[in-house]
Amino acid sequence: MKEGVLPINNFRVQPPKPLFTAAGRAIGDYAMIKEGDRILLGLSGGKDSLSLLHILLHLRDKAPIRFELACCTVDPQSPEYDPSPLKAYVAVLGLPYFYESQPIVASAATQMQGDSFCAYCSRMRRGILYRVARENGYGVLALAQHLDDFAETFMMSAFFGGKLRTMGANYVNDAGDVRVIRPLVYARERQMRDFAERAPLPVIFENCPACFALPMQRYQIKQLLAEQERHHPQLFANLLTAMRPLMSNHLPGKSIA
C-alpha cells in the first residue's frame, strides 16, 4: 500500500476480543463512560489511537449506554509527520472531526523553557485538545496510552524523579471542565500493534528527529521492562497492581497528566 493511501475496504474493523475485553473492563472499573457523555478522542493516527477509535466505535454500537464520539487531530507542522490522510478516513466513518494545525515545532524554538521538546509538544497538544473539547461541548477527552506507557511513566518517575507517580486512568483536568479517560490502561502495546497489522489500520507514522536527539530515558526503561518480563512473565500484572492507587482520580496530585 502506498504511503498516505487509505484501505478503502477496511474503514470499520472489529477489534480483537481480548483487546476489546481489556478496554471494556478498564472502562467499567474506572467508570470512564457514562450515559450521555460526549467524548472527544485524541487521534494522532498511530496504532494506539486508531485501535482506541475502533474500540469506542464498537462499544458505541454494542453498549447499553448511549454516548457520542468525535475525533481531534493536532498537527504540529513537523515535516516528518503528516496526519492529513486521517481527514478522509474519519469522514467515511461518519464522525465529527476537528483538525488543528498549529506551528508547535516552530514555536518550541522561542517558547520552550527548561523543558524537553517532547514534553513541550505534549503539553501544547493537550492544551489544544482541551480547547477543542470545551469549545464544542465535549466533556470527556479519550487518550490512548496503554499499560506499557503507564508502567514506563511509573518507573521513570521513581528512577529519575524520586516520586511514585503515573498517569491517571480517569480524572478531571486542572480547569475542572474536561474529564480525561484512558481506556487502554489494561491493554498491552503488542495488542495494538497486532491489531494494526492484522486489520490493517492506516497508521500514520511519526518520526520526529528532535525526539531521538534527546536523552533516551523512556527507551531505556522500555528495554529494561522487556528484559525483566522475559524472566518474570507476571511483571506487568504486578506493576498494574502496584500502580492502581496512583491511577485513581480520588488521589489529587498523584497523577501525571
Protein backbone atom coordinates (compact mmCIF):
# COMPACT_ATOMS: atom_id res chain seq x y z
CA MET A 1 0.00 0.00 0.00
CA LYS A 2 1.39 3.39 -0.96
CA GLU A 3 2.17 5.87 1.80
CA GLY A 4 -0.83 8.06 2.59
CA VAL A 5 -3.29 5.83 0.72
CA LEU A 6 -6.13 4.54 2.87
CA PRO A 7 -7.51 0.97 2.70
CA ILE A 8 -10.97 1.75 1.36
CA ASN A 9 -12.41 -1.66 2.28
CA ASN A 10 -11.26 -1.55 5.90
CA PHE A 11 -12.75 1.62 7.41
CA ARG A 12 -14.80 -0.19 10.07
CA VAL A 13 -13.00 -3.12 11.66
CA GLN A 14 -13.92 -5.08 14.75
CA PRO A 15 -11.24 -5.08 17.45
CA PRO A 16 -9.97 -8.46 18.66
CA LYS A 17 -11.98 -9.81 21.58
CA PRO A 18 -9.08 -9.79 24.13
CA LEU A 19 -8.31 -6.15 23.35
CA PHE A 20 -11.96 -5.12 23.44
CA THR A 21 -12.45 -7.02 26.70
CA ALA A 22 -9.44 -5.32 28.30
CA ALA A 23 -10.73 -1.89 27.33
CA GLY A 24 -14.26 -2.72 28.45
CA ARG A 25 -13.01 -3.90 31.83
CA ALA A 26 -11.00 -0.71 32.35
CA ILE A 27 -13.96 1.44 31.33
CA GLY A 28 -16.12 -0.41 33.84
CA ASP A 29 -13.60 -0.47 36.67
CA TYR A 30 -12.96 3.27 36.48
CA ALA A 31 -16.48 4.35 35.40
CA MET A 32 -14.98 6.08 32.38
CA ILE A 33 -18.08 6.37 30.20
CA LYS A 34 -21.49 7.44 31.44
CA GLU A 35 -24.90 7.85 29.84
CA GLY A 36 -24.96 10.89 27.56
CA ASP A 37 -21.20 11.51 27.57
CA ARG A 38 -19.80 13.43 24.62
CA ILE A 39 -16.32 12.02 24.05
CA LEU A 40 -13.52 13.60 22.04
CA LEU A 41 -10.78 11.16 21.04
CA GLY A 42 -7.26 12.48 20.56
CA LEU A 43 -6.45 10.83 17.23
CA SER A 44 -2.78 11.03 16.21
CA GLY A 45 -3.08 8.28 13.61
CA GLY A 46 -0.71 5.99 15.48
CA LYS A 47 -1.56 2.36 16.16
CA ASP A 48 -2.79 3.11 19.68
CA SER A 49 -5.23 5.92 18.91
CA LEU A 50 -6.55 4.13 15.82
CA SER A 51 -7.12 0.99 17.91
CA LEU A 52 -8.97 3.03 20.53
CA LEU A 53 -11.06 4.65 17.80
CA HIS A 54 -12.40 1.28 16.67
CA ILE A 55 -12.86 0.06 20.23
CA LEU A 56 -15.01 3.09 21.04
CA LEU A 57 -16.96 2.75 17.78
CA HIS A 58 -17.67 -0.91 18.56
CA LEU A 59 -18.60 -0.06 22.14
CA ARG A 60 -20.92 2.72 21.00
CA ASP A 61 -22.81 0.21 18.85
CA LYS A 62 -22.95 -2.55 21.49
CA ALA A 63 -23.09 -0.88 24.91
CA PRO A 64 -26.41 -0.31 26.69
CA ILE A 65 -25.42 3.28 27.47
CA ARG A 66 -25.53 6.00 24.84
CA PHE A 67 -22.61 8.31 24.18
CA GLU A 68 -21.35 10.49 21.35
CA LEU A 69 -17.91 10.24 19.77
CA ALA A 70 -15.78 12.70 17.84
CA CYS A 71 -12.09 12.91 16.94
CA CYS A 72 -9.47 15.62 17.02
CA THR A 73 -6.05 15.52 15.40
CA VAL A 74 -3.35 18.04 16.31
CA ASP A 75 -0.84 18.59 13.50
CA PRO A 76 2.28 20.25 14.99
CA GLN A 77 3.53 21.09 11.49
CA SER A 78 6.52 18.78 11.62
CA PRO A 79 7.97 17.80 8.22
CA GLU A 80 8.25 14.20 9.48
CA TYR A 81 4.56 13.88 10.35
CA ASP A 82 1.59 14.29 8.02
CA PRO A 83 -1.71 13.20 9.58
CA SER A 84 -3.84 14.80 6.85
CA PRO A 85 -4.88 11.39 5.34
CA LEU A 86 -6.96 10.92 8.50
CA LYS A 87 -9.43 13.51 7.21
CA ALA A 88 -10.79 11.13 4.57
CA TYR A 89 -10.70 8.18 6.96
CA VAL A 90 -12.75 9.83 9.71
CA ALA A 91 -15.14 11.31 7.15
CA VAL A 92 -16.07 7.84 5.89
CA LEU A 93 -16.59 6.69 9.49
CA GLY A 94 -19.17 9.47 9.79
CA LEU A 95 -17.74 11.06 12.93
CA PRO A 96 -17.40 14.76 13.74
CA TYR A 97 -13.76 15.66 13.19
CA PHE A 98 -11.56 18.56 14.21
CA TYR A 99 -8.20 19.03 12.54
CA GLU A 100 -5.96 21.54 14.32
CA SER A 101 -2.78 22.53 12.50
CA GLN A 102 -0.57 24.61 14.78
CA PRO A 103 3.14 25.59 14.45
CA ILE A 104 4.14 23.79 17.63
CA VAL A 105 7.52 22.72 16.27
CA ALA A 106 8.40 26.26 15.22
CA SER A 107 7.19 27.80 18.49
CA ALA A 108 9.37 25.43 20.53
CA ALA A 109 12.48 27.34 19.44
CA THR A 110 11.31 30.54 21.15
CA GLN A 111 8.81 29.40 23.80
CA MET A 112 10.36 26.26 25.29
CA GLN A 113 11.86 26.93 28.72
CA GLY A 114 13.70 24.22 30.62
CA ASP A 115 11.59 21.51 29.01
CA SER A 116 12.32 18.71 26.60
CA PHE A 117 10.85 19.13 23.15
CA CYS A 118 8.65 16.08 23.67
CA ALA A 119 7.26 17.45 26.94
CA TYR A 120 6.64 20.85 25.36
CA CYS A 121 4.91 19.34 22.32
CA SER A 122 2.79 17.06 24.51
CA ARG A 123 1.69 19.95 26.72
CA MET A 124 0.80 22.13 23.73
CA ARG A 125 -1.16 19.32 22.05
CA ARG A 126 -3.05 18.64 25.27
CA GLY A 127 -3.96 22.31 25.61
CA ILE A 128 -5.33 22.32 22.06
CA LEU A 129 -7.38 19.18 22.74
CA TYR A 130 -8.84 20.77 25.89
CA ARG A 131 -9.76 23.90 23.93
CA VAL A 132 -11.43 21.96 21.13
CA ALA A 133 -13.33 19.86 23.67
CA ARG A 134 -14.68 22.83 25.64
CA GLU A 135 -15.45 24.93 22.57
CA ASN A 136 -17.53 22.13 21.05
CA GLY A 137 -19.24 20.78 24.14
CA TYR A 138 -17.26 17.57 24.63
CA GLY A 139 -16.87 16.93 28.34
CA VAL A 140 -14.67 13.83 28.03
CA LEU A 141 -11.26 13.55 26.36
CA ALA A 142 -10.15 9.99 25.49
CA LEU A 143 -6.42 9.32 25.19
CA ALA A 144 -4.75 6.12 24.01
CA GLN A 145 -1.96 5.45 26.50
CA HIS A 146 -1.73 1.73 27.34
CA LEU A 147 -0.35 -0.33 30.22
CA ASP A 148 3.20 -0.20 28.85
CA ASP A 149 3.01 3.62 28.86
CA PHE A 150 1.72 3.65 32.43
CA ALA A 151 4.49 1.31 33.60
CA GLU A 152 7.23 3.26 31.82
CA THR A 153 5.98 6.54 33.30
CA PHE A 154 5.83 4.96 36.76
CA MET A 155 9.39 3.66 36.52
CA MET A 156 10.77 6.91 35.08
CA SER A 157 9.15 8.91 37.87
CA ALA A 158 10.64 6.63 40.51
CA PHE A 159 14.09 6.33 38.92
CA PHE A 160 14.65 9.91 37.76
CA GLY A 161 12.20 11.99 39.81
CA GLY A 162 12.16 10.21 43.15
CA LYS A 163 8.36 10.08 43.18
CA LEU A 164 5.74 7.35 42.97
CA ARG A 165 3.55 8.70 40.21
CA THR A 166 1.98 7.66 36.95
CA MET A 167 -0.79 8.81 34.63
CA GLY A 168 -4.42 8.92 35.71
CA ALA A 169 -6.98 6.49 34.32
CA ASN A 170 -9.97 8.79 34.83
CA TYR A 171 -9.62 12.29 36.22
CA VAL A 172 -10.76 15.89 35.74
CA ASN A 173 -8.26 18.40 34.35
CA ASP A 174 -6.99 21.33 36.42
CA ALA A 175 -9.56 23.70 34.92
CA GLY A 176 -12.32 21.35 36.04
CA ASP A 177 -14.15 21.32 32.72
CA VAL A 178 -12.82 18.23 30.89
CA ARG A 179 -12.63 14.68 32.20
CA VAL A 180 -9.71 12.66 30.82
CA ILE A 181 -10.02 8.90 30.32
CA ARG A 182 -7.53 6.27 29.20
CA PRO A 183 -9.48 3.11 28.27
CA LEU A 184 -6.37 1.18 27.18
CA VAL A 185 -4.84 1.12 30.67
CA TYR A 186 -5.22 -2.68 30.88
CA ALA A 187 -4.07 -3.32 27.30
CA ARG A 188 -0.53 -4.12 26.23
CA GLU A 189 1.22 -2.28 23.42
CA ARG A 190 1.70 -5.52 21.50
CA GLN A 191 -2.09 -5.95 21.32
CA MET A 192 -2.45 -2.66 19.43
CA ARG A 193 0.49 -3.49 17.20
CA ASP A 194 -1.06 -6.83 16.30
CA PHE A 195 -4.48 -5.26 15.67
CA ALA A 196 -2.99 -2.55 13.45
CA GLU A 197 -1.11 -5.10 11.37
CA ARG A 198 -3.93 -7.61 11.01
CA ALA A 199 -6.79 -5.15 10.28
CA PRO A 200 -4.83 -3.38 8.71
CA LEU A 201 -5.25 0.09 10.17
CA PRO A 202 -3.98 3.14 8.22
CA VAL A 203 -1.23 4.02 10.67
CA ILE A 204 0.35 7.45 10.25
CA PHE A 205 3.99 7.11 11.26
CA GLU A 206 5.69 9.90 13.15
CA ASN A 207 9.45 10.11 13.07
CA CYS A 208 10.50 13.29 14.86
CA PRO A 209 14.30 13.80 14.86
CA ALA A 210 14.01 16.18 17.82
CA CYS A 211 12.71 13.34 19.98
CA PHE A 212 15.52 10.99 19.00
CA ALA A 213 18.11 13.68 19.72
CA LEU A 214 17.01 13.92 23.35
CA PRO A 215 18.01 11.66 26.27
CA MET A 216 16.59 8.19 25.74
CA GLN A 217 15.33 7.58 29.27
CA ARG A 218 11.96 6.19 28.18
CA TYR A 219 13.59 3.88 25.64
CA GLN A 220 15.99 2.61 28.29
CA ILE A 221 13.12 1.93 30.69
CA LYS A 222 11.20 0.14 27.92
CA GLN A 223 14.20 -2.10 27.28
CA LEU A 224 14.65 -2.77 30.99
CA LEU A 225 11.00 -3.79 31.39
CA ALA A 226 11.15 -6.01 28.30
CA GLU A 227 14.22 -7.80 29.64
CA GLN A 228 12.66 -8.30 33.08
CA GLU A 229 9.40 -9.55 31.59
CA ARG A 230 11.30 -12.32 29.82
CA HIS A 231 12.37 -13.59 33.23
CA HIS A 232 9.19 -12.64 35.12
CA PRO A 233 6.08 -13.08 32.91
CA GLN A 234 3.81 -11.55 35.59
CA LEU A 235 5.81 -8.32 35.68
CA PHE A 236 3.19 -6.04 34.11
CA ALA A 237 0.36 -7.61 36.09
CA ASN A 238 2.33 -6.88 39.26
CA LEU A 239 3.11 -3.33 38.14
CA LEU A 240 -0.57 -2.77 37.43
CA THR A 241 -1.42 -3.86 40.96
CA ALA A 242 1.23 -1.50 42.36
CA MET A 243 0.02 1.42 40.23
CA ARG A 244 -3.72 1.11 40.84
CA PRO A 245 -3.82 3.53 43.81
CA LEU A 246 -1.81 6.07 41.80
CA MET A 247 -4.12 5.84 38.78
CA SER A 248 -7.32 6.57 40.69
CA ASN A 249 -8.84 10.01 40.33
CA HIS A 250 -9.50 10.33 44.06
CA LEU A 251 -5.81 10.96 44.75
CA PRO A 252 -5.16 14.57 43.67
CA GLY A 253 -1.59 15.43 42.86
CA LYS A 254 -0.61 11.80 42.32
CA SER A 255 -1.22 11.65 38.58
CA ILE A 256 1.00 12.73 35.71
CA ALA A 257 -1.37 14.08 33.07
